[in-house]
C-alpha atoms as a PDB file:
ATOM      1  CA  UNK A   1       1.981  -8.667  36.246  1.00  0.00           C
ATOM      2  CA  UNK A   2      -0.685  -6.342  34.685  1.00  0.00           C
ATOM      3  CA  UNK A   3      -1.561  -7.489  30.578  1.00  0.00           C
ATOM      4  CA  UNK A   4      -3.504  -4.020  30.420  1.00  0.00           C
ATOM      5  CA  UNK A   5      -2.055  -1.350  27.543  1.00  0.00           C
ATOM      6  CA  UNK A   6      -1.547   2.076  29.039  1.00  0.00           C
ATOM      7  CA  UNK A   7      -2.789   4.628  26.491  1.00  0.00           C
ATOM      8  CA  UNK A   8       0.668   5.433  24.902  1.00  0.00           C
ATOM      9  CA  UNK A   9       1.164   1.460  23.916  1.00  0.00           C
ATOM     10  CA  UNK A  10      -2.245   1.480  22.675  1.00  0.00           C
ATOM     11  CA  UNK A  11      -1.829   4.601  20.716  1.00  0.00           C
ATOM     12  CA  UNK A  12       1.730   2.683  19.523  1.00  0.00           C
ATOM     13  CA  UNK A  13       0.124  -0.354  18.226  1.00  0.00           C
ATOM     14  CA  UNK A  14      -2.709   1.831  16.648  1.00  0.00           C
ATOM     15  CA  UNK A  15      -0.118   3.939  14.800  1.00  0.00           C
ATOM     16  CA  UNK A  16       1.993   0.954  13.791  1.00  0.00           C
ATOM     17  CA  UNK A  17      -0.916  -1.081  12.254  1.00  0.00           C
ATOM     18  CA  UNK A  18      -2.316   2.098   9.898  1.00  0.00           C
ATOM     19  CA  UNK A  19       1.202   2.300   8.732  1.00  0.00           C
ATOM     20  CA  UNK A  20       1.597  -1.699   7.704  1.00  0.00           C
ATOM     21  CA  UNK A  21      -1.969  -0.873   6.312  1.00  0.00           C
ATOM     22  CA  UNK A  22      -0.550   2.203   4.055  1.00  0.00           C
ATOM     23  CA  UNK A  23       2.048   0.291   3.053  1.00  0.00           C
ATOM     24  CA  UNK A  24       0.163  -2.804   2.358  1.00  0.00           C
ATOM     25  CA  UNK A  25      -2.493  -0.718   0.112  1.00  0.00           C
ATOM     26  CA  UNK A  26       0.620   1.610  -1.531  1.00  0.00           C
ATOM     27  CA  UNK A  27       2.143  -1.815  -2.986  1.00  0.00           C
ATOM     28  CA  UNK A  28      -1.080  -3.040  -4.370  1.00  0.00           C
ATOM     29  CA  UNK A  29      -1.676   0.712  -5.942  1.00  0.00           C
ATOM     30  CA  UNK A  30       1.750   0.004  -7.466  1.00  0.00           C
ATOM     31  CA  UNK A  31       1.110  -3.381  -8.388  1.00  0.00           C
ATOM     32  CA  UNK A  32      -2.272  -2.308 -10.435  1.00  0.00           C
ATOM     33  CA  UNK A  33      -0.743   0.362 -11.945  1.00  0.00           C
ATOM     34  CA  UNK A  34      -2.826   3.308 -10.030  1.00  0.00           C
ATOM     35  CA  UNK A  35      -1.179   6.630  -9.137  1.00  0.00           C
ATOM     36  CA  UNK A  36      -2.479   7.259  -5.456  1.00  0.00           C
ATOM     37  CA  UNK A  37      -2.322  11.122  -5.738  1.00  0.00           C
ATOM     38  CA  UNK A  38      -4.418  10.913  -9.022  1.00  0.00           C
ATOM     39  CA  UNK A  39      -6.925   8.146  -7.376  1.00  0.00           C
ATOM     40  CA  UNK A  40      -7.285  10.995  -4.489  1.00  0.00           C
ATOM     41  CA  UNK A  41      -8.284  13.583  -7.138  1.00  0.00           C
ATOM     42  CA  UNK A  42     -10.828  10.929  -8.387  1.00  0.00           C
ATOM     43  CA  UNK A  43     -12.351  10.063  -4.887  1.00  0.00           C
ATOM     44  CA  UNK A  44     -12.871  13.574  -3.976  1.00  0.00           C
ATOM     45  CA  UNK A  45     -14.658  14.421  -7.416  1.00  0.00           C
ATOM     46  CA  UNK A  46     -16.908  11.530  -6.748  1.00  0.00           C
ATOM     47  CA  UNK A  47     -17.353  12.585  -3.077  1.00  0.00           C
ATOM     48  CA  UNK A  48     -18.025  15.886  -4.204  1.00  0.00           C
ATOM     49  CA  UNK A  49     -20.817  14.559  -6.680  1.00  0.00           C
ATOM     50  CA  UNK A  50     -22.081  12.805  -4.461  1.00  0.00           C
ATOM     51  CA  UNK A  51     -22.350   8.970  -6.502  1.00  0.00           C
ATOM     52  CA  UNK A  52     -19.959   6.888  -7.438  1.00  0.00           C
ATOM     53  CA  UNK A  53     -19.885   4.609 -11.000  1.00  0.00           C
ATOM     54  CA  UNK A  54     -21.608   1.430 -11.662  1.00  0.00           C
ATOM     55  CA  UNK A  55     -19.556  -1.934 -11.962  1.00  0.00           C
ATOM     56  CA  UNK A  56     -16.138  -1.943 -11.826  1.00  0.00           C
ATOM     57  CA  UNK A  57     -14.617   1.246  -9.839  1.00  0.00           C
ATOM     58  CA  UNK A  58     -11.056   0.359 -11.003  1.00  0.00           C
ATOM     59  CA  UNK A  59     -12.215   0.368 -14.321  1.00  0.00           C
ATOM     60  CA  UNK A  60     -14.630   3.981 -13.834  1.00  0.00           C
ATOM     61  CA  UNK A  61     -10.891   4.967 -12.436  1.00  0.00           C
ATOM     62  CA  UNK A  62      -8.782   4.037 -15.585  1.00  0.00           C
ATOM     63  CA  UNK A  63     -11.536   5.215 -18.058  1.00  0.00           C
ATOM     64  CA  UNK A  64     -11.433   8.996 -16.106  1.00  0.00           C
ATOM     65  CA  UNK A  65      -7.420   8.742 -15.867  1.00  0.00           C
ATOM     66  CA  UNK A  66      -7.129   8.323 -19.287  1.00  0.00           C
ATOM     67  CA  UNK A  67      -9.678  11.390 -20.230  1.00  0.00           C
ATOM     68  CA  UNK A  68      -8.101  13.147 -18.479  1.00  0.00           C
ATOM     69  CA  UNK A  69      -4.623  12.805 -20.038  1.00  0.00           C
ATOM     70  CA  UNK A  70      -6.329  13.618 -23.569  1.00  0.00           C
END
């Protein structure tokens, strides 16, 4: 009996792990009251600027989000 995983089994395990991580991330964002689409926009903006704010990123995101709502 072989204990080696074939490529399909390995792929299935990786996909399952990614899906579990995504579910945990979505649940955590919901706990924090963060809209994942809005977070994606903020991250893309920060990447385009090539800089991250100093200090608490969640606080920086929330400040940005509130400024966009005005």
